[in-house]
Amino acid sequence: MGVTLGSSNQVGLAVGTGSFGTIRVELVNPGTSLYVGEPVYTSGLQGGIYPPNIPVGSVAKYSSDPGSLQEQVSLTPMVDLAHLQFVKVLDWLPSGAG
């Protein structure tokens, strides 16, 4: 899902199931200002399946290898996905769709 990193408004792509306690965030530009505990929200970008500003989790760790094209970012999910019992279904139509 598309996500926005709180303080920098940098957009990334959250990938994974959270089954190991963290979720990878890909496509974050190198040199992006990040901090551990920073909130992460759905981006709501055009064509996205989630509306903007739904809390997803917080930055657990990040690093950048020299010459890398993206930051290595992982986040801790807002909920314990292994013990999730109820979900709320959103019926949302992105602006400009349909």
C-alpha atoms as a PDB file:
ATOM      1  CA  MET A   1       0.000   0.000   0.000  1.00  0.00           C
ATOM      2  CA  GLY A   2       1.106   3.564  -0.579  1.00  0.00           C
ATOM      3  CA  VAL A   3       2.241   5.296   2.605  1.00  0.00           C
ATOM      4  CA  THR A   4       3.448   8.716   3.715  1.00  0.00           C
ATOM      5  CA  LEU A   5       6.190   9.088   6.321  1.00  0.00           C
ATOM      6  CA  GLY A   6       4.982  11.651   8.871  1.00  0.00           C
ATOM      7  CA  SER A   7       7.498  14.472   9.223  1.00  0.00           C
ATOM      8  CA  SER A   8       9.022  14.397   5.738  1.00  0.00           C
ATOM      9  CA  ASN A   9       5.813  13.714   3.781  1.00  0.00           C
ATOM     10  CA  GLN A  10       7.969  11.292   1.764  1.00  0.00           C
ATOM     11  CA  VAL A  11       5.857   8.718  -0.062  1.00  0.00           C
ATOM     12  CA  GLY A  12       6.808   5.035  -0.087  1.00  0.00           C
ATOM     13  CA  LEU A  13       5.357   1.606  -0.675  1.00  0.00           C
ATOM     14  CA  ALA A  14       4.647  -0.637   2.339  1.00  0.00           C
ATOM     15  CA  VAL A  15       5.271  -4.276   1.420  1.00  0.00           C
ATOM     16  CA  GLY A  16       4.757  -7.451   3.456  1.00  0.00           C
ATOM     17  CA  THR A  17       2.335  -9.062   5.844  1.00  0.00           C
ATOM     18  CA  GLY A  18       3.741  -7.988   9.194  1.00  0.00           C
ATOM     19  CA  SER A  19       4.059 -11.662  10.139  1.00  0.00           C
ATOM     20  CA  PHE A  20       7.621 -11.049  11.410  1.00  0.00           C
ATOM     21  CA  GLY A  21       6.676  -7.952  13.399  1.00  0.00           C
ATOM     22  CA  THR A  22       7.777  -5.395  10.799  1.00  0.00           C
ATOM     23  CA  ILE A  23       6.816  -4.280   7.317  1.00  0.00           C
ATOM     24  CA  ARG A  24       9.273  -3.040   4.667  1.00  0.00           C
ATOM     25  CA  VAL A  25       8.795   0.387   3.135  1.00  0.00           C
ATOM     26  CA  GLU A  26      10.284   0.621  -0.341  1.00  0.00           C
ATOM     27  CA  LEU A  27      10.914   3.472  -2.772  1.00  0.00           C
ATOM     28  CA  VAL A  28      11.917   5.988  -0.078  1.00  0.00           C
ATOM     29  CA  ASN A  29      14.412   8.469  -1.536  1.00  0.00           C
ATOM     30  CA  PRO A  30      17.959   8.258  -0.172  1.00  0.00           C
ATOM     31  CA  GLY A  31      18.765  11.031   2.291  1.00  0.00           C
ATOM     32  CA  THR A  32      15.153  11.359   3.459  1.00  0.00           C
ATOM     33  CA  SER A  33      15.032  12.744   6.990  1.00  0.00           C
ATOM     34  CA  LEU A  34      13.626   9.951   9.188  1.00  0.00           C
ATOM     35  CA  TYR A  35      13.488   9.090  12.876  1.00  0.00           C
ATOM     36  CA  VAL A  36      12.558   5.978  14.845  1.00  0.00           C
ATOM     37  CA  GLY A  37       8.966   6.206  16.044  1.00  0.00           C
ATOM     38  CA  GLU A  38       7.914   8.501  13.205  1.00  0.00           C
ATOM     39  CA  PRO A  39       4.262   7.841  12.294  1.00  0.00           C
ATOM     40  CA  VAL A  40       3.374   6.310   8.928  1.00  0.00           C
ATOM     41  CA  TYR A  41      -0.012   6.833   7.269  1.00  0.00           C
ATOM     42  CA  THR A  42      -1.772   5.699   4.108  1.00  0.00           C
ATOM     43  CA  SER A  43      -0.938   8.101   1.280  1.00  0.00           C
ATOM     44  CA  GLY A  44      -4.261   8.178  -0.554  1.00  0.00           C
ATOM     45  CA  LEU A  45      -2.435   8.872  -3.814  1.00  0.00           C
ATOM     46  CA  GLN A  46      -4.416   8.776  -7.028  1.00  0.00           C
ATOM     47  CA  GLY A  47      -5.444   5.226  -7.844  1.00  0.00           C
ATOM     48  CA  GLY A  48      -4.703   4.028  -4.292  1.00  0.00           C
ATOM     49  CA  ILE A  49      -7.098   1.618  -2.644  1.00  0.00           C
ATOM     50  CA  TYR A  50      -7.015   3.369   0.761  1.00  0.00           C
ATOM     51  CA  PRO A  51      -7.996   6.941   1.631  1.00  0.00           C
ATOM     52  CA  PRO A  52      -5.264   9.199   3.047  1.00  0.00           C
ATOM     53  CA  ASN A  53      -4.174   9.530   6.683  1.00  0.00           C
ATOM     54  CA  ILE A  54      -5.118   6.122   8.081  1.00  0.00           C
ATOM     55  CA  PRO A  55      -2.411   5.243  10.657  1.00  0.00           C
ATOM     56  CA  VAL A  56      -0.388   2.242   9.487  1.00  0.00           C
ATOM     57  CA  GLY A  57       2.454   2.106  12.013  1.00  0.00           C
ATOM     58  CA  SER A  58       5.711   3.778  12.974  1.00  0.00           C
ATOM     59  CA  VAL A  59       9.285   3.667  11.688  1.00  0.00           C
ATOM     60  CA  ALA A  60      11.138   0.851  13.489  1.00  0.00           C
ATOM     61  CA  LYS A  61      14.524   1.292  11.806  1.00  0.00           C
ATOM     62  CA  TYR A  62      16.135   2.778   8.744  1.00  0.00           C
ATOM     63  CA  SER A  63      19.502   2.873   7.024  1.00  0.00           C
ATOM     64  CA  SER A  64      21.080   3.847   3.747  1.00  0.00           C
ATOM     65  CA  ASP A  65      23.886   2.053   1.952  1.00  0.00           C
ATOM     66  CA  PRO A  66      26.333   4.229  -0.025  1.00  0.00           C
ATOM     67  CA  GLY A  67      25.176   4.437  -3.629  1.00  0.00           C
ATOM     68  CA  SER A  68      21.784   2.921  -2.827  1.00  0.00           C
ATOM     69  CA  LEU A  69      18.774   4.153  -4.771  1.00  0.00           C
ATOM     70  CA  GLN A  70      16.502   4.004  -1.720  1.00  0.00           C
ATOM     71  CA  GLU A  71      16.510   4.043   2.065  1.00  0.00           C
ATOM     72  CA  GLN A  72      16.125   0.706   3.858  1.00  0.00           C
ATOM     73  CA  VAL A  73      13.055   1.370   6.044  1.00  0.00           C
ATOM     74  CA  SER A  74      10.976  -0.959   8.198  1.00  0.00           C
ATOM     75  CA  LEU A  75       7.956  -0.098  10.274  1.00  0.00           C
ATOM     76  CA  THR A  76       6.157  -1.602  13.212  1.00  0.00           C
ATOM     77  CA  PRO A  77       2.463  -2.083  12.355  1.00  0.00           C
ATOM     78  CA  MET A  78      -0.110  -0.108  14.335  1.00  0.00           C
ATOM     79  CA  VAL A  79      -1.844  -3.390  15.241  1.00  0.00           C
ATOM     80  CA  ASP A  80      -0.628  -6.897  16.015  1.00  0.00           C
ATOM     81  CA  LEU A  81      -1.626  -8.489  12.705  1.00  0.00           C
ATOM     82  CA  ALA A  82      -1.128 -12.028  14.051  1.00  0.00           C
ATOM     83  CA  HIS A  83      -3.910 -11.517  16.598  1.00  0.00           C
ATOM     84  CA  LEU A  84      -6.328  -9.391  14.589  1.00  0.00           C
ATOM     85  CA  GLN A  85      -9.928 -10.477  15.188  1.00  0.00           C
ATOM     86  CA  PHE A  86     -12.017  -7.759  13.568  1.00  0.00           C
ATOM     87  CA  VAL A  87     -11.545  -5.489  10.576  1.00  0.00           C
ATOM     88  CA  LYS A  88     -13.537  -2.561   9.273  1.00  0.00           C
ATOM     89  CA  VAL A  89     -14.227  -2.534   5.545  1.00  0.00           C
ATOM     90  CA  LEU A  90     -13.931   0.843   3.820  1.00  0.00           C
ATOM     91  CA  ASP A  91     -16.047   1.587   0.794  1.00  0.00           C
ATOM     92  CA  TRP A  92     -14.036   4.420  -0.733  1.00  0.00           C
ATOM     93  CA  LEU A  93     -13.926   5.741  -4.260  1.00  0.00           C
ATOM     94  CA  PRO A  94     -10.792   7.841  -4.930  1.00  0.00           C
ATOM     95  CA  SER A  95     -11.491  11.319  -6.282  1.00  0.00           C
ATOM     96  CA  GLY A  96     -11.545  11.352 -10.056  1.00  0.00           C
ATOM     97  CA  ALA A  97     -12.418   7.629 -10.286  1.00  0.00           C
ATOM     98  CA  GLY A  98     -15.663   6.375 -11.695  1.00  0.00           C
END
